[in-house]
Amino acid sequence: MGSRLLPVSLAAGALSADAAGLHRIAYYLVLLTVVGAAAAAFVGVGDVLEGKGGVLRAATTVVALALVLLGSAVRAGAPSGHPVPVFAISALVAALACYALPIVSWLVRPAAQPQPVSP
């Protein structure tokens, strides 16, 4: 069972730690986010292959995993003592947006499909 809530909460915690100036803690939270995002992506793709899940969920988890991995690599390659690269923070924000996309589509879908009127 994979939860998309784990990588979302870890990524939000990493962003909060960066905002508070705790960049070392944020770095370790991003590394944990990679593991959680990979698990969520594997479960999402596995569900699609079994016919149990939606393609949007699988696609957004895979894209979020790629963004978290790229952000983690940029963050790890940054020189110590310098500020966190903007791309690393932007990648986390974009990954959070990817995780939120299925929720937004779920909220918009009922309004887009009119309900049949029964006499």
N, C-alpha and C. Protein backbone atom coordinates (compact mmCIF):
# COMPACT_ATOMS: atom_id res chain seq x y z
N MET A 1 0.85 -1.18 0.00
CA MET A 1 0.00 0.00 0.00
C MET A 1 0.89 1.23 0.00
N GLY A 2 0.69 2.09 -0.96
CA GLY A 2 1.50 3.30 -1.06
C GLY A 2 0.66 4.51 -0.74
N SER A 3 1.27 5.42 -0.07
CA SER A 3 0.57 6.63 0.29
C SER A 3 1.23 7.82 -0.37
N ARG A 4 0.44 8.64 -1.02
CA ARG A 4 0.97 9.86 -1.61
C ARG A 4 1.12 10.93 -0.55
N LEU A 5 0.61 10.69 0.63
CA LEU A 5 0.70 11.68 1.69
C LEU A 5 2.11 11.76 2.28
N LEU A 6 2.85 10.65 2.28
CA LEU A 6 4.20 10.64 2.83
C LEU A 6 5.14 11.57 2.07
N PRO A 7 5.28 11.45 0.73
CA PRO A 7 6.19 12.38 0.05
C PRO A 7 5.70 13.82 0.09
N VAL A 8 4.40 14.01 0.11
CA VAL A 8 3.88 15.38 0.19
C VAL A 8 4.25 16.02 1.52
N SER A 9 4.08 15.28 2.61
CA SER A 9 4.40 15.85 3.92
C SER A 9 5.91 16.04 4.09
N LEU A 10 6.72 15.13 3.55
CA LEU A 10 8.17 15.30 3.64
C LEU A 10 8.64 16.48 2.81
N ALA A 11 8.08 16.65 1.61
CA ALA A 11 8.45 17.79 0.77
C ALA A 11 8.03 19.11 1.41
N ALA A 12 6.84 19.13 2.00
CA ALA A 12 6.39 20.34 2.68
C ALA A 12 7.28 20.63 3.90
N GLY A 13 7.70 19.58 4.59
CA GLY A 13 8.61 19.76 5.71
C GLY A 13 9.96 20.29 5.26
N ALA A 14 10.44 19.82 4.12
CA ALA A 14 11.72 20.31 3.59
C ALA A 14 11.62 21.78 3.19
N LEU A 15 10.51 22.15 2.58
CA LEU A 15 10.32 23.57 2.25
C LEU A 15 10.25 24.44 3.50
N SER A 16 9.59 23.93 4.53
CA SER A 16 9.50 24.67 5.79
C SER A 16 10.87 24.79 6.45
N ALA A 17 11.66 23.72 6.40
CA ALA A 17 12.99 23.77 6.98
C ALA A 17 13.89 24.74 6.22
N ASP A 18 13.74 24.78 4.90
CA ASP A 18 14.51 25.75 4.12
C ASP A 18 14.10 27.18 4.47
N ALA A 19 12.81 27.39 4.65
CA ALA A 19 12.34 28.73 5.00
C ALA A 19 12.85 29.16 6.37
N ALA A 20 13.02 28.19 7.27
CA ALA A 20 13.52 28.50 8.62
C ALA A 20 15.04 28.60 8.66
N GLY A 21 15.71 28.28 7.54
CA GLY A 21 17.16 28.36 7.51
C GLY A 21 17.86 27.08 7.94
N LEU A 22 17.11 26.02 8.12
CA LEU A 22 17.68 24.73 8.52
C LEU A 22 17.93 23.89 7.26
N HIS A 23 18.95 24.27 6.50
CA HIS A 23 19.18 23.67 5.20
C HIS A 23 19.68 22.23 5.29
N ARG A 24 20.43 21.88 6.32
CA ARG A 24 20.91 20.50 6.46
C ARG A 24 19.74 19.56 6.73
N ILE A 25 18.82 19.98 7.58
CA ILE A 25 17.63 19.16 7.86
C ILE A 25 16.77 19.05 6.60
N ALA A 26 16.66 20.15 5.85
CA ALA A 26 15.90 20.13 4.61
C ALA A 26 16.52 19.16 3.61
N TYR A 27 17.85 19.11 3.58
CA TYR A 27 18.53 18.18 2.68
C TYR A 27 18.17 16.74 3.01
N TYR A 28 18.19 16.39 4.27
CA TYR A 28 17.85 15.02 4.66
C TYR A 28 16.36 14.72 4.44
N LEU A 29 15.51 15.71 4.62
CA LEU A 29 14.09 15.50 4.34
C LEU A 29 13.85 15.28 2.84
N VAL A 30 14.62 15.97 2.00
CA VAL A 30 14.49 15.76 0.56
C VAL A 30 14.94 14.35 0.19
N LEU A 31 16.01 13.87 0.83
CA LEU A 31 16.44 12.50 0.56
C LEU A 31 15.37 11.48 0.97
N LEU A 32 14.70 11.72 2.09
CA LEU A 32 13.60 10.84 2.48
C LEU A 32 12.41 10.98 1.53
N THR A 33 12.23 12.18 1.00
CA THR A 33 11.15 12.41 0.04
C THR A 33 11.37 11.58 -1.23
N VAL A 34 12.62 11.43 -1.64
CA VAL A 34 12.92 10.61 -2.82
C VAL A 34 12.43 9.18 -2.61
N VAL A 35 12.67 8.64 -1.44
CA VAL A 35 12.24 7.27 -1.15
C VAL A 35 10.71 7.17 -1.15
N GLY A 36 10.05 8.11 -0.49
CA GLY A 36 8.59 8.09 -0.45
C GLY A 36 7.98 8.32 -1.82
N ALA A 37 8.58 9.22 -2.62
CA ALA A 37 8.06 9.49 -3.96
C ALA A 37 8.25 8.28 -4.87
N ALA A 38 9.36 7.57 -4.70
CA ALA A 38 9.59 6.37 -5.50
C ALA A 38 8.56 5.29 -5.16
N ALA A 39 8.28 5.14 -3.88
CA ALA A 39 7.28 4.14 -3.48
C ALA A 39 5.91 4.50 -4.04
N ALA A 40 5.54 5.77 -3.95
CA ALA A 40 4.24 6.19 -4.47
C ALA A 40 4.17 6.01 -5.99
N ALA A 41 5.28 6.28 -6.69
CA ALA A 41 5.30 6.12 -8.14
C ALA A 41 5.19 4.64 -8.53
N PHE A 42 5.91 3.78 -7.81
CA PHE A 42 5.82 2.35 -8.11
C PHE A 42 4.42 1.82 -7.89
N VAL A 43 3.79 2.24 -6.82
CA VAL A 43 2.43 1.79 -6.55
C VAL A 43 1.45 2.34 -7.59
N GLY A 44 1.61 3.60 -7.96
CA GLY A 44 0.72 4.19 -8.96
C GLY A 44 0.83 3.51 -10.30
N VAL A 45 2.05 3.23 -10.74
CA VAL A 45 2.24 2.55 -12.02
C VAL A 45 1.76 1.10 -11.93
N GLY A 46 2.02 0.46 -10.81
CA GLY A 46 1.55 -0.91 -10.62
C GLY A 46 0.03 -1.00 -10.65
N ASP A 47 -0.63 -0.02 -10.06
CA ASP A 47 -2.10 0.00 -10.09
C ASP A 47 -2.63 0.17 -11.51
N VAL A 48 -1.97 0.99 -12.30
CA VAL A 48 -2.40 1.17 -13.69
C VAL A 48 -2.21 -0.13 -14.47
N LEU A 49 -1.08 -0.80 -14.24
CA LEU A 49 -0.83 -2.05 -14.95
C LEU A 49 -1.82 -3.14 -14.56
N GLU A 50 -2.29 -3.11 -13.31
CA GLU A 50 -3.29 -4.08 -12.87
C GLU A 50 -4.71 -3.66 -13.23
N GLY A 51 -4.88 -2.44 -13.70
CA GLY A 51 -6.20 -1.95 -14.06
C GLY A 51 -6.99 -1.41 -12.90
N LYS A 52 -6.33 -1.11 -11.79
CA LYS A 52 -7.04 -0.62 -10.60
C LYS A 52 -6.95 0.89 -10.41
N GLY A 53 -5.99 1.53 -11.01
CA GLY A 53 -5.76 2.95 -10.74
C GLY A 53 -5.90 3.81 -11.98
N GLY A 54 -5.89 5.10 -11.75
CA GLY A 54 -6.00 6.05 -12.84
C GLY A 54 -4.64 6.39 -13.43
N VAL A 55 -4.65 6.72 -14.70
CA VAL A 55 -3.42 7.08 -15.39
C VAL A 55 -2.90 8.42 -14.89
N LEU A 56 -3.80 9.34 -14.56
CA LEU A 56 -3.37 10.65 -14.08
C LEU A 56 -2.58 10.53 -12.78
N ARG A 57 -3.03 9.69 -11.88
CA ARG A 57 -2.31 9.51 -10.62
C ARG A 57 -0.92 8.94 -10.87
N ALA A 58 -0.82 7.94 -11.72
CA ALA A 58 0.48 7.34 -12.02
C ALA A 58 1.41 8.34 -12.69
N ALA A 59 0.87 9.08 -13.64
CA ALA A 59 1.71 10.05 -14.37
C ALA A 59 2.21 11.15 -13.45
N THR A 60 1.34 11.66 -12.59
CA THR A 60 1.77 12.75 -11.71
C THR A 60 2.77 12.27 -10.66
N THR A 61 2.63 11.03 -10.20
CA THR A 61 3.61 10.54 -9.23
C THR A 61 4.97 10.31 -9.88
N VAL A 62 4.98 9.87 -11.13
CA VAL A 62 6.25 9.67 -11.83
C VAL A 62 6.92 11.01 -12.11
N VAL A 63 6.15 12.00 -12.54
CA VAL A 63 6.71 13.33 -12.79
C VAL A 63 7.20 13.95 -11.48
N ALA A 64 6.44 13.77 -10.41
CA ALA A 64 6.87 14.31 -9.11
C ALA A 64 8.16 13.63 -8.65
N LEU A 65 8.29 12.33 -8.87
CA LEU A 65 9.53 11.63 -8.52
C LEU A 65 10.70 12.20 -9.30
N ALA A 66 10.52 12.44 -10.59
CA ALA A 66 11.60 13.00 -11.40
C ALA A 66 11.99 14.39 -10.91
N LEU A 67 11.01 15.20 -10.55
CA LEU A 67 11.30 16.54 -10.05
C LEU A 67 12.04 16.49 -8.71
N VAL A 68 11.61 15.61 -7.84
CA VAL A 68 12.28 15.49 -6.54
C VAL A 68 13.72 15.00 -6.72
N LEU A 69 13.92 14.05 -7.63
CA LEU A 69 15.27 13.57 -7.90
C LEU A 69 16.17 14.67 -8.46
N LEU A 70 15.65 15.44 -9.41
CA LEU A 70 16.43 16.54 -9.97
C LEU A 70 16.75 17.59 -8.92
N GLY A 71 15.76 17.94 -8.12
CA GLY A 71 15.99 18.92 -7.06
C GLY A 71 16.99 18.43 -6.03
N SER A 72 16.94 17.15 -5.72
CA SER A 72 17.88 16.57 -4.77
C SER A 72 19.30 16.59 -5.33
N ALA A 73 19.45 16.29 -6.61
CA ALA A 73 20.77 16.31 -7.23
C ALA A 73 21.34 17.72 -7.27
N VAL A 74 20.52 18.68 -7.59
CA VAL A 74 20.98 20.07 -7.62
C VAL A 74 21.36 20.53 -6.21
N ARG A 75 20.56 20.16 -5.24
CA ARG A 75 20.83 20.55 -3.86
C ARG A 75 22.13 19.91 -3.36
N ALA A 76 22.35 18.64 -3.72
CA ALA A 76 23.56 17.94 -3.27
C ALA A 76 24.81 18.49 -3.94
N GLY A 77 24.69 18.99 -5.16
CA GLY A 77 25.84 19.52 -5.87
C GLY A 77 26.17 20.96 -5.55
N ALA A 78 25.34 21.60 -4.76
CA ALA A 78 25.58 23.01 -4.42
C ALA A 78 26.75 23.12 -3.45
N PRO A 79 27.56 24.15 -3.59
CA PRO A 79 28.66 24.33 -2.65
C PRO A 79 28.15 24.65 -1.25
N SER A 80 28.83 24.12 -0.25
CA SER A 80 28.39 24.38 1.12
C SER A 80 28.69 25.83 1.48
N GLY A 81 27.82 26.39 2.28
CA GLY A 81 27.96 27.78 2.68
C GLY A 81 27.23 28.75 1.77
N HIS A 82 26.77 28.27 0.62
CA HIS A 82 26.02 29.12 -0.30
C HIS A 82 24.54 28.87 -0.10
N PRO A 83 23.71 29.80 -0.56
CA PRO A 83 22.26 29.57 -0.43
C PRO A 83 21.81 28.38 -1.28
N VAL A 84 20.66 27.87 -0.93
CA VAL A 84 20.09 26.74 -1.66
C VAL A 84 19.76 27.20 -3.08
N PRO A 85 20.11 26.39 -4.09
CA PRO A 85 19.79 26.78 -5.47
C PRO A 85 18.28 26.94 -5.66
N VAL A 86 17.93 27.90 -6.47
CA VAL A 86 16.53 28.19 -6.71
C VAL A 86 15.84 27.01 -7.39
N PHE A 87 16.56 26.31 -8.26
CA PHE A 87 15.97 25.17 -8.95
C PHE A 87 15.56 24.08 -7.97
N ALA A 88 16.34 23.88 -6.92
CA ALA A 88 16.02 22.84 -5.94
C ALA A 88 14.69 23.14 -5.24
N ILE A 89 14.49 24.39 -4.89
CA ILE A 89 13.24 24.77 -4.23
C ILE A 89 12.08 24.75 -5.23
N SER A 90 12.34 25.22 -6.45
CA SER A 90 11.29 25.20 -7.48
C SER A 90 10.87 23.79 -7.82
N ALA A 91 11.81 22.86 -7.82
CA ALA A 91 11.48 21.47 -8.12
C ALA A 91 10.58 20.88 -7.04
N LEU A 92 10.83 21.23 -5.78
CA LEU A 92 9.95 20.74 -4.70
C LEU A 92 8.55 21.32 -4.82
N VAL A 93 8.47 22.60 -5.14
CA VAL A 93 7.16 23.23 -5.30
C VAL A 93 6.41 22.62 -6.48
N ALA A 94 7.12 22.36 -7.58
CA ALA A 94 6.49 21.74 -8.75
C ALA A 94 6.05 20.31 -8.44
N ALA A 95 6.83 19.59 -7.64
CA ALA A 95 6.44 18.23 -7.25
C ALA A 95 5.18 18.26 -6.40
N LEU A 96 5.08 19.22 -5.50
CA LEU A 96 3.87 19.36 -4.69
C LEU A 96 2.67 19.70 -5.59
N ALA A 97 2.89 20.51 -6.62
CA ALA A 97 1.81 20.82 -7.55
C ALA A 97 1.39 19.56 -8.32
N CYS A 98 2.35 18.72 -8.67
CA CYS A 98 2.01 17.45 -9.35
C CYS A 98 1.17 16.56 -8.46
N TYR A 99 1.51 16.51 -7.18
CA TYR A 99 0.71 15.69 -6.26
C TYR A 99 -0.70 16.26 -6.07
N ALA A 100 -0.85 17.57 -6.23
CA ALA A 100 -2.16 18.20 -6.04
C ALA A 100 -3.03 18.13 -7.29
N LEU A 101 -2.44 17.85 -8.44
CA LEU A 101 -3.20 17.86 -9.69
C LEU A 101 -4.37 16.87 -9.71
N PRO A 102 -4.21 15.61 -9.25
CA PRO A 102 -5.38 14.72 -9.24
C PRO A 102 -6.51 15.22 -8.33
N ILE A 103 -6.16 15.89 -7.25
CA ILE A 103 -7.20 16.43 -6.36
C ILE A 103 -7.96 17.53 -7.07
N VAL A 104 -7.23 18.39 -7.76
CA VAL A 104 -7.89 19.48 -8.50
C VAL A 104 -8.79 18.92 -9.59
N SER A 105 -8.32 17.90 -10.31
CA SER A 105 -9.16 17.32 -11.36
C SER A 105 -10.38 16.62 -10.76
N TRP A 106 -10.22 16.03 -9.58
CA TRP A 106 -11.36 15.40 -8.92
C TRP A 106 -12.40 16.45 -8.50
N LEU A 107 -11.93 17.62 -8.07
CA LEU A 107 -12.86 18.67 -7.67
C LEU A 107 -13.56 19.30 -8.86
N VAL A 108 -12.88 19.38 -9.99
CA VAL A 108 -13.46 20.02 -11.17
C VAL A 108 -14.37 19.08 -11.95
N ARG A 109 -14.08 17.78 -11.91
CA ARG A 109 -14.82 16.81 -12.71
C ARG A 109 -16.32 16.80 -12.44
N PRO A 110 -16.81 16.83 -11.20
CA PRO A 110 -18.26 16.80 -11.02
C PRO A 110 -18.96 18.00 -11.64
N ALA A 111 -18.31 19.15 -11.68
CA ALA A 111 -18.93 20.32 -12.28
C ALA A 111 -18.95 20.22 -13.80
N ALA A 112 -18.01 19.50 -14.37
CA ALA A 112 -17.94 19.40 -15.82
C ALA A 112 -18.93 18.38 -16.38
N GLN A 113 -19.34 17.42 -15.58
CA GLN A 113 -20.27 16.39 -16.06
C GLN A 113 -21.66 16.67 -15.51
N PRO A 114 -22.57 17.12 -16.35
CA PRO A 114 -23.92 17.40 -15.87
C PRO A 114 -24.64 16.10 -15.47
N GLN A 115 -25.40 16.17 -14.43
CA GLN A 115 -26.16 15.04 -13.94
C GLN A 115 -27.45 14.90 -14.75
N PRO A 116 -27.84 13.68 -15.10
CA PRO A 116 -29.10 13.52 -15.85
C PRO A 116 -30.30 13.86 -14.94
N VAL A 117 -31.27 14.47 -15.57
CA VAL A 117 -32.47 14.88 -14.85
C VAL A 117 -33.49 13.73 -14.92
N SER A 118 -33.95 13.31 -13.76
CA SER A 118 -34.97 12.24 -13.76
C SER A 118 -36.34 12.86 -13.65
N PRO A 119 -37.33 12.33 -14.39
CA PRO A 119 -38.69 12.93 -14.36
C PRO A 119 -39.45 12.61 -13.12
